[in-house]
Amino acid sequence: MNEKILENREQIDKADEQIFDLLLERLDAVTAIGHIKKQEGLPVLDQERENAIYAKIDARFSAAEASFLKSIYQSIISESKKVEEL
């Protein structure tokens, strides 16, 4: 296989390992927030928080990068809400 492809795939693999760890760290925080919301009778949906995340992405990244990241974050937020409901 092409050496440059292999080098780039190694870079992707390293990034993936970091992403996995960070997503699990995020999951721990989401789980804790879900317990607090349940104890305090708060709704899972916090539209202001979601809007703030998307606004932060828009402010920091180019349009193409923001589109890519927001697509991923839609899934992350959706899955996070499912965890908070448990």
C-alpha atoms as a PDB file:
ATOM      1  CA  MET A   1       0.000   0.000   0.000  1.00  0.00           C
ATOM      2  CA  ASN A   2       1.059   3.581  -0.569  1.00  0.00           C
ATOM      3  CA  GLU A   3       3.407   4.764   2.215  1.00  0.00           C
ATOM      4  CA  LYS A   4       1.730   8.170   2.508  1.00  0.00           C
ATOM      5  CA  ILE A   5      -1.640   6.506   2.993  1.00  0.00           C
ATOM      6  CA  LEU A   6      -0.194   4.317   5.732  1.00  0.00           C
ATOM      7  CA  GLU A   7       1.378   7.326   7.458  1.00  0.00           C
ATOM      8  CA  ASN A   8      -1.917   9.203   7.372  1.00  0.00           C
ATOM      9  CA  ARG A   9      -3.800   6.180   8.670  1.00  0.00           C
ATOM     10  CA  GLU A  10      -1.364   5.981  11.584  1.00  0.00           C
ATOM     11  CA  GLN A  11      -2.123   9.624  12.315  1.00  0.00           C
ATOM     12  CA  ILE A  12      -5.855   8.845  12.189  1.00  0.00           C
ATOM     13  CA  ASP A  13      -5.388   5.882  14.537  1.00  0.00           C
ATOM     14  CA  LYS A  14      -3.571   8.086  17.068  1.00  0.00           C
ATOM     15  CA  ALA A  15      -6.282  10.739  16.836  1.00  0.00           C
ATOM     16  CA  ASP A  16      -8.970   8.078  17.226  1.00  0.00           C
ATOM     17  CA  GLU A  17      -7.391   6.857  20.455  1.00  0.00           C
ATOM     18  CA  GLN A  18      -7.495  10.397  21.841  1.00  0.00           C
ATOM     19  CA  ILE A  19     -11.088  10.857  20.657  1.00  0.00           C
ATOM     20  CA  PHE A  20     -12.149   7.595  22.337  1.00  0.00           C
ATOM     21  CA  ASP A  21     -10.627   8.693  25.638  1.00  0.00           C
ATOM     22  CA  LEU A  22     -12.187  12.149  25.444  1.00  0.00           C
ATOM     23  CA  LEU A  23     -15.605  10.768  24.546  1.00  0.00           C
ATOM     24  CA  LEU A  24     -15.489   8.461  27.562  1.00  0.00           C
ATOM     25  CA  GLU A  25     -14.452  11.395  29.754  1.00  0.00           C
ATOM     26  CA  ARG A  26     -17.423  13.302  28.343  1.00  0.00           C
ATOM     27  CA  LEU A  27     -19.682  10.308  29.020  1.00  0.00           C
ATOM     28  CA  ASP A  28     -18.694  10.355  32.693  1.00  0.00           C
ATOM     29  CA  ALA A  29     -19.671  14.025  32.941  1.00  0.00           C
ATOM     30  CA  VAL A  30     -22.934  13.435  31.045  1.00  0.00           C
ATOM     31  CA  THR A  31     -23.818  10.568  33.382  1.00  0.00           C
ATOM     32  CA  ALA A  32     -23.191  12.759  36.432  1.00  0.00           C
ATOM     33  CA  ILE A  33     -25.282  15.577  34.952  1.00  0.00           C
ATOM     34  CA  GLY A  34     -28.090  13.103  34.215  1.00  0.00           C
ATOM     35  CA  HIS A  35     -28.160  12.009  37.871  1.00  0.00           C
ATOM     36  CA  ILE A  36     -28.240  15.607  39.077  1.00  0.00           C
ATOM     37  CA  LYS A  37     -31.027  16.545  36.656  1.00  0.00           C
ATOM     38  CA  LYS A  38     -33.057  13.519  37.758  1.00  0.00           C
ATOM     39  CA  GLN A  39     -32.579  14.358  41.464  1.00  0.00           C
ATOM     40  CA  GLU A  40     -33.582  17.974  40.903  1.00  0.00           C
ATOM     41  CA  GLY A  41     -36.430  17.226  38.500  1.00  0.00           C
ATOM     42  CA  LEU A  42     -34.763  19.130  35.661  1.00  0.00           C
ATOM     43  CA  PRO A  43     -35.462  18.371  32.006  1.00  0.00           C
ATOM     44  CA  VAL A  44     -32.853  16.564  29.934  1.00  0.00           C
ATOM     45  CA  LEU A  45     -33.152  19.052  27.083  1.00  0.00           C
ATOM     46  CA  ASP A  46     -31.185  22.263  27.607  1.00  0.00           C
ATOM     47  CA  GLN A  47     -31.606  24.073  24.308  1.00  0.00           C
ATOM     48  CA  GLU A  48     -29.521  27.046  25.430  1.00  0.00           C
ATOM     49  CA  ARG A  49     -26.586  24.722  26.137  1.00  0.00           C
ATOM     50  CA  GLU A  50     -26.938  23.016  22.757  1.00  0.00           C
ATOM     51  CA  ASN A  51     -27.131  26.368  20.982  1.00  0.00           C
ATOM     52  CA  ALA A  52     -24.023  27.557  22.848  1.00  0.00           C
ATOM     53  CA  ILE A  53     -22.066  24.491  21.698  1.00  0.00           C
ATOM     54  CA  TYR A  54     -23.027  25.068  18.068  1.00  0.00           C
ATOM     55  CA  ALA A  55     -22.278  28.796  18.353  1.00  0.00           C
ATOM     56  CA  LYS A  56     -18.839  28.000  19.776  1.00  0.00           C
ATOM     57  CA  ILE A  57     -18.168  25.743  16.795  1.00  0.00           C
ATOM     58  CA  ASP A  58     -19.345  28.404  14.326  1.00  0.00           C
ATOM     59  CA  ALA A  59     -17.162  31.050  15.951  1.00  0.00           C
ATOM     60  CA  ARG A  60     -14.012  28.976  16.007  1.00  0.00           C
ATOM     61  CA  PHE A  61     -13.974  27.086  12.720  1.00  0.00           C
ATOM     62  CA  SER A  62     -14.397  27.681   8.997  1.00  0.00           C
ATOM     63  CA  ALA A  63     -17.799  26.966   7.450  1.00  0.00           C
ATOM     64  CA  ALA A  64     -16.654  23.593   6.087  1.00  0.00           C
ATOM     65  CA  GLU A  65     -15.064  22.573   9.394  1.00  0.00           C
ATOM     66  CA  ALA A  66     -18.102  23.783  11.362  1.00  0.00           C
ATOM     67  CA  SER A  67     -20.449  21.782   9.154  1.00  0.00           C
ATOM     68  CA  PHE A  68     -18.354  18.654   9.715  1.00  0.00           C
ATOM     69  CA  LEU A  69     -18.127  19.171  13.482  1.00  0.00           C
ATOM     70  CA  LYS A  70     -21.783  20.104  13.961  1.00  0.00           C
ATOM     71  CA  SER A  71     -22.833  16.943  12.155  1.00  0.00           C
ATOM     72  CA  ILE A  72     -20.762  14.896  14.593  1.00  0.00           C
ATOM     73  CA  TYR A  73     -21.944  16.896  17.593  1.00  0.00           C
ATOM     74  CA  GLN A  74     -25.583  16.299  16.667  1.00  0.00           C
ATOM     75  CA  SER A  75     -24.918  12.606  17.226  1.00  0.00           C
ATOM     76  CA  ILE A  76     -22.900  13.214  20.388  1.00  0.00           C
ATOM     77  CA  ILE A  77     -25.628  15.416  21.874  1.00  0.00           C
ATOM     78  CA  SER A  78     -28.369  12.998  20.868  1.00  0.00           C
ATOM     79  CA  GLU A  79     -26.553  10.090  22.513  1.00  0.00           C
ATOM     80  CA  SER A  80     -25.758  12.231  25.555  1.00  0.00           C
ATOM     81  CA  LYS A  81     -29.451  12.977  26.074  1.00  0.00           C
ATOM     82  CA  LYS A  82     -30.196   9.252  25.962  1.00  0.00           C
ATOM     83  CA  VAL A  83     -27.623   8.682  28.711  1.00  0.00           C
ATOM     84  CA  GLU A  84     -29.043  11.526  30.798  1.00  0.00           C
ATOM     85  CA  GLU A  85     -32.486   9.905  30.597  1.00  0.00           C
ATOM     86  CA  LEU A  86     -31.256   6.657  32.190  1.00  0.00           C
END
